[in-house]
C-alpha atoms as a PDB file:
ATOM      1  CA  UNK A   1     -22.150  32.573  52.497  1.00  0.00           C
ATOM      2  CA  UNK A   2     -25.534  32.274  50.489  1.00  0.00           C
ATOM      3  CA  UNK A   3     -27.217  35.474  49.110  1.00  0.00           C
ATOM      4  CA  UNK A   4     -29.541  35.359  51.858  1.00  0.00           C
ATOM      5  CA  UNK A   5     -27.030  35.869  54.237  1.00  0.00           C
ATOM      6  CA  UNK A   6     -27.135  32.541  55.801  1.00  0.00           C
ATOM      7  CA  UNK A   7     -24.046  30.200  56.306  1.00  0.00           C
ATOM      8  CA  UNK A   8     -24.008  27.484  53.704  1.00  0.00           C
ATOM      9  CA  UNK A   9     -22.666  23.796  55.111  1.00  0.00           C
ATOM     10  CA  UNK A  10     -19.194  24.361  54.005  1.00  0.00           C
ATOM     11  CA  UNK A  11     -18.802  27.819  55.938  1.00  0.00           C
ATOM     12  CA  UNK A  12     -20.384  26.310  59.073  1.00  0.00           C
ATOM     13  CA  UNK A  13     -17.524  23.504  59.010  1.00  0.00           C
ATOM     14  CA  UNK A  14     -15.207  25.853  58.302  1.00  0.00           C
ATOM     15  CA  UNK A  15     -16.108  27.808  61.286  1.00  0.00           C
ATOM     16  CA  UNK A  16     -16.128  24.597  63.307  1.00  0.00           C
ATOM     17  CA  UNK A  17     -12.353  23.926  62.233  1.00  0.00           C
ATOM     18  CA  UNK A  18     -11.636  27.583  63.096  1.00  0.00           C
ATOM     19  CA  UNK A  19     -13.207  27.405  66.577  1.00  0.00           C
ATOM     20  CA  UNK A  20     -11.442  24.043  67.092  1.00  0.00           C
ATOM     21  CA  UNK A  21      -7.634  25.246  65.982  1.00  0.00           C
ATOM     22  CA  UNK A  22      -7.683  28.865  64.993  1.00  0.00           C
ATOM     23  CA  UNK A  23      -4.222  28.671  63.643  1.00  0.00           C
ATOM     24  CA  UNK A  24      -5.009  25.870  61.313  1.00  0.00           C
ATOM     25  CA  UNK A  25      -3.336  27.178  58.038  1.00  0.00           C
ATOM     26  CA  UNK A  26      -5.517  27.580  54.648  1.00  0.00           C
ATOM     27  CA  UNK A  27      -4.013  24.615  52.983  1.00  0.00           C
ATOM     28  CA  UNK A  28      -4.812  22.442  55.703  1.00  0.00           C
ATOM     29  CA  UNK A  29      -8.160  23.608  55.949  1.00  0.00           C
ATOM     30  CA  UNK A  30      -8.642  23.377  52.337  1.00  0.00           C
ATOM     31  CA  UNK A  31      -7.422  19.713  52.628  1.00  0.00           C
ATOM     32  CA  UNK A  32     -10.131  18.902  55.082  1.00  0.00           C
ATOM     33  CA  UNK A  33     -12.906  20.762  53.394  1.00  0.00           C
ATOM     34  CA  UNK A  34     -12.096  19.522  50.004  1.00  0.00           C
ATOM     35  CA  UNK A  35     -11.279  22.943  48.685  1.00  0.00           C
ATOM     36  CA  UNK A  36      -7.995  24.789  47.456  1.00  0.00           C
ATOM     37  CA  UNK A  37      -6.056  27.099  49.765  1.00  0.00           C
ATOM     38  CA  UNK A  38      -7.415  30.292  47.743  1.00  0.00           C
ATOM     39  CA  UNK A  39     -11.002  29.168  48.113  1.00  0.00           C
ATOM     40  CA  UNK A  40     -10.615  28.909  51.896  1.00  0.00           C
ATOM     41  CA  UNK A  41      -8.805  32.320  51.946  1.00  0.00           C
ATOM     42  CA  UNK A  42     -11.804  33.927  49.982  1.00  0.00           C
ATOM     43  CA  UNK A  43     -14.352  32.334  52.297  1.00  0.00           C
ATOM     44  CA  UNK A  44     -12.625  33.440  55.395  1.00  0.00           C
ATOM     45  CA  UNK A  45     -12.327  36.966  53.807  1.00  0.00           C
ATOM     46  CA  UNK A  46     -15.898  36.867  53.194  1.00  0.00           C
ATOM     47  CA  UNK A  47     -16.743  35.798  56.439  1.00  0.00           C
ATOM     48  CA  UNK A  48     -14.642  38.804  58.111  1.00  0.00           C
ATOM     49  CA  UNK A  49     -16.192  41.226  55.915  1.00  0.00           C
ATOM     50  CA  UNK A  50     -19.796  40.043  56.948  1.00  0.00           C
ATOM     51  CA  UNK A  51     -19.178  40.403  60.623  1.00  0.00           C
ATOM     52  CA  UNK A  52     -19.056  36.586  61.106  1.00  0.00           C
ATOM     53  CA  UNK A  53     -15.586  36.154  61.879  1.00  0.00           C
ATOM     54  CA  UNK A  54     -14.558  38.956  64.241  1.00  0.00           C
ATOM     55  CA  UNK A  55     -10.963  38.212  65.091  1.00  0.00           C
ATOM     56  CA  UNK A  56      -8.300  35.394  65.615  1.00  0.00           C
ATOM     57  CA  UNK A  57      -6.956  34.340  69.192  1.00  0.00           C
ATOM     58  CA  UNK A  58      -4.655  32.284  70.880  1.00  0.00           C
ATOM     59  CA  UNK A  59      -5.822  30.307  74.184  1.00  0.00           C
ATOM     60  CA  UNK A  60      -2.806  30.227  76.376  1.00  0.00           C
ATOM     61  CA  UNK A  61      -2.042  28.270  79.023  1.00  0.00           C
ATOM     62  CA  UNK A  62      -1.204  29.764  83.076  1.00  0.00           C
ATOM     63  CA  UNK A  63       1.808  31.755  82.679  1.00  0.00           C
ATOM     64  CA  UNK A  64       3.681  33.992  85.051  1.00  0.00           C
ATOM     65  CA  UNK A  65       2.232  36.908  83.847  1.00  0.00           C
ATOM     66  CA  UNK A  66      -1.179  35.662  84.000  1.00  0.00           C
ATOM     67  CA  UNK A  67      -2.530  34.801  87.611  1.00  0.00           C
ATOM     68  CA  UNK A  68      -3.953  31.218  88.093  1.00  0.00           C
ATOM     69  CA  UNK A  69      -6.710  32.047  90.184  1.00  0.00           C
ATOM     70  CA  UNK A  70      -9.785  32.580  88.414  1.00  0.00           C
ATOM     71  CA  UNK A  71     -13.560  34.083  89.621  1.00  0.00           C
ATOM     72  CA  UNK A  72     -16.837  35.256  88.257  1.00  0.00           C
ATOM     73  CA  UNK A  73     -17.620  38.570  90.320  1.00  0.00           C
ATOM     74  CA  UNK A  74     -21.243  39.551  90.021  1.00  0.00           C
ATOM     75  CA  UNK A  75     -21.843  43.292  90.635  1.00  0.00           C
ATOM     76  CA  UNK A  76     -25.247  45.178  91.480  1.00  0.00           C
ATOM     77  CA  UNK A  77     -24.813  48.850  89.944  1.00  0.00           C
ATOM     78  CA  UNK A  78     -27.222  51.418  92.524  1.00  0.00           C
ATOM     79  CA  UNK A  79     -27.616  54.278  89.699  1.00  0.00           C
ATOM     80  CA  UNK A  80     -28.143  54.650  86.064  1.00  0.00           C
ATOM     81  CA  UNK A  81     -26.431  55.074  83.780  1.00  0.00           C
ATOM     82  CA  UNK A  82     -24.087  52.130  84.460  1.00  0.00           C
ATOM     83  CA  UNK A  83     -21.302  53.375  81.914  1.00  0.00           C
ATOM     84  CA  UNK A  84     -19.123  54.987  84.374  1.00  0.00           C
ATOM     85  CA  UNK A  85     -19.084  52.182  86.947  1.00  0.00           C
ATOM     86  CA  UNK A  86     -18.463  49.755  83.921  1.00  0.00           C
ATOM     87  CA  UNK A  87     -15.392  51.960  82.861  1.00  0.00           C
ATOM     88  CA  UNK A  88     -14.038  51.643  86.277  1.00  0.00           C
ATOM     89  CA  UNK A  89     -14.406  48.020  86.437  1.00  0.00           C
ATOM     90  CA  UNK A  90     -12.891  47.521  82.911  1.00  0.00           C
ATOM     91  CA  UNK A  91      -9.905  49.492  84.128  1.00  0.00           C
ATOM     92  CA  UNK A  92      -8.916  47.034  86.798  1.00  0.00           C
ATOM     93  CA  UNK A  93      -5.889  45.077  86.076  1.00  0.00           C
ATOM     94  CA  UNK A  94      -7.548  42.033  87.617  1.00  0.00           C
ATOM     95  CA  UNK A  95     -10.339  42.175  84.975  1.00  0.00           C
ATOM     96  CA  UNK A  96     -10.094  39.866  82.180  1.00  0.00           C
ATOM     97  CA  UNK A  97     -13.598  39.931  80.724  1.00  0.00           C
ATOM     98  CA  UNK A  98     -16.424  42.398  81.441  1.00  0.00           C
ATOM     99  CA  UNK A  99     -20.093  41.559  80.713  1.00  0.00           C
ATOM    100  CA  UNK A 100     -23.162  44.114  81.063  1.00  0.00           C
ATOM    101  CA  UNK A 101     -26.104  41.573  81.825  1.00  0.00           C
ATOM    102  CA  UNK A 102     -29.755  42.053  82.236  1.00  0.00           C
ATOM    103  CA  UNK A 103     -31.545  40.650  85.283  1.00  0.00           C
ATOM    104  CA  UNK A 104     -30.857  40.560  88.815  1.00  0.00           C
ATOM    105  CA  UNK A 105     -27.339  41.543  88.500  1.00  0.00           C
ATOM    106  CA  UNK A 106     -25.825  44.526  86.278  1.00  0.00           C
ATOM    107  CA  UNK A 107     -22.441  43.218  85.455  1.00  0.00           C
ATOM    108  CA  UNK A 108     -20.430  40.104  85.779  1.00  0.00           C
ATOM    109  CA  UNK A 109     -16.652  40.213  85.237  1.00  0.00           C
ATOM    110  CA  UNK A 110     -13.934  37.484  85.038  1.00  0.00           C
ATOM    111  CA  UNK A 111     -11.106  38.178  86.913  1.00  0.00           C
ATOM    112  CA  UNK A 112      -7.691  36.524  87.601  1.00  0.00           C
ATOM    113  CA  UNK A 113      -5.888  36.746  90.981  1.00  0.00           C
ATOM    114  CA  UNK A 114      -3.181  35.038  92.732  1.00  0.00           C
ATOM    115  CA  UNK A 115      -5.236  33.543  95.439  1.00  0.00           C
ATOM    116  CA  UNK A 116      -8.532  33.723  97.648  1.00  0.00           C
ATOM    117  CA  UNK A 117      -7.113  36.569  99.873  1.00  0.00           C
ATOM    118  CA  UNK A 118      -6.413  38.646  96.417  1.00  0.00           C
ATOM    119  CA  UNK A 119      -9.887  37.771  95.323  1.00  0.00           C
ATOM    120  CA  UNK A 120     -11.283  38.821  98.685  1.00  0.00           C
ATOM    121  CA  UNK A 121      -9.295  42.213  98.637  1.00  0.00           C
ATOM    122  CA  UNK A 122     -10.682  42.903  95.280  1.00  0.00           C
ATOM    123  CA  UNK A 123     -14.228  42.271  95.961  1.00  0.00           C
ATOM    124  CA  UNK A 124     -13.658  44.867  98.691  1.00  0.00           C
ATOM    125  CA  UNK A 125     -12.322  47.128  96.456  1.00  0.00           C
ATOM    126  CA  UNK A 126     -15.086  46.758  93.961  1.00  0.00           C
ATOM    127  CA  UNK A 127     -17.372  46.881  96.717  1.00  0.00           C
ATOM    128  CA  UNK A 128     -16.164  50.604  97.582  1.00  0.00           C
ATOM    129  CA  UNK A 129     -16.769  51.898  93.963  1.00  0.00           C
ATOM    130  CA  UNK A 130     -19.050  54.546  93.986  1.00  0.00           C
ATOM    131  CA  UNK A 131     -22.812  53.299  92.793  1.00  0.00           C
ATOM    132  CA  UNK A 132     -21.901  49.788  93.314  1.00  0.00           C
ATOM    133  CA  UNK A 133     -24.023  48.066  95.857  1.00  0.00           C
ATOM    134  CA  UNK A 134     -22.977  44.529  95.735  1.00  0.00           C
ATOM    135  CA  UNK A 135     -20.417  42.531  94.539  1.00  0.00           C
ATOM    136  CA  UNK A 136     -19.818  38.704  95.144  1.00  0.00           C
ATOM    137  CA  UNK A 137     -17.570  36.366  93.644  1.00  0.00           C
ATOM    138  CA  UNK A 138     -17.821  32.820  92.578  1.00  0.00           C
ATOM    139  CA  UNK A 139     -14.528  30.688  92.284  1.00  0.00           C
ATOM    140  CA  UNK A 140     -14.185  29.167  88.984  1.00  0.00           C
ATOM    141  CA  UNK A 141     -13.227  25.495  89.768  1.00  0.00           C
ATOM    142  CA  UNK A 142     -12.584  24.661  85.867  1.00  0.00           C
ATOM    143  CA  UNK A 143     -12.685  26.397  82.381  1.00  0.00           C
ATOM    144  CA  UNK A 144     -14.028  24.516  79.076  1.00  0.00           C
ATOM    145  CA  UNK A 145     -13.323  26.228  75.846  1.00  0.00           C
ATOM    146  CA  UNK A 146     -16.863  26.136  73.718  1.00  0.00           C
END
């Protein structure tokens, strides 16, 4: 990283490589970047300390413990503050991701369920949460990793 806090071209390339294949070892990253393993490790450590790299994750395929059916549920919350409703939503086992958003919708959640019947039942449960004024679901047809 440069002294002005901006990423240099090598760090941008490193981040691109990590986004494509987060489990690539430092030696292989160094080979692709023309750097030593220790130089790559040092860059990664500095990017972590600067808050550019927040963590590492694995992208997994559908498994028995992860329902295959995904949907985005948009939620309108009638009362402020929204935090109690958001905490209730976050605690639902079907919720994979929760986003508090600005605009006509207050929150969007990514949920995973077994099928359309389970989605319908989940939307009914969400609609029954105190201060939720509206919940609508959109089925995810395909996911793209960005």
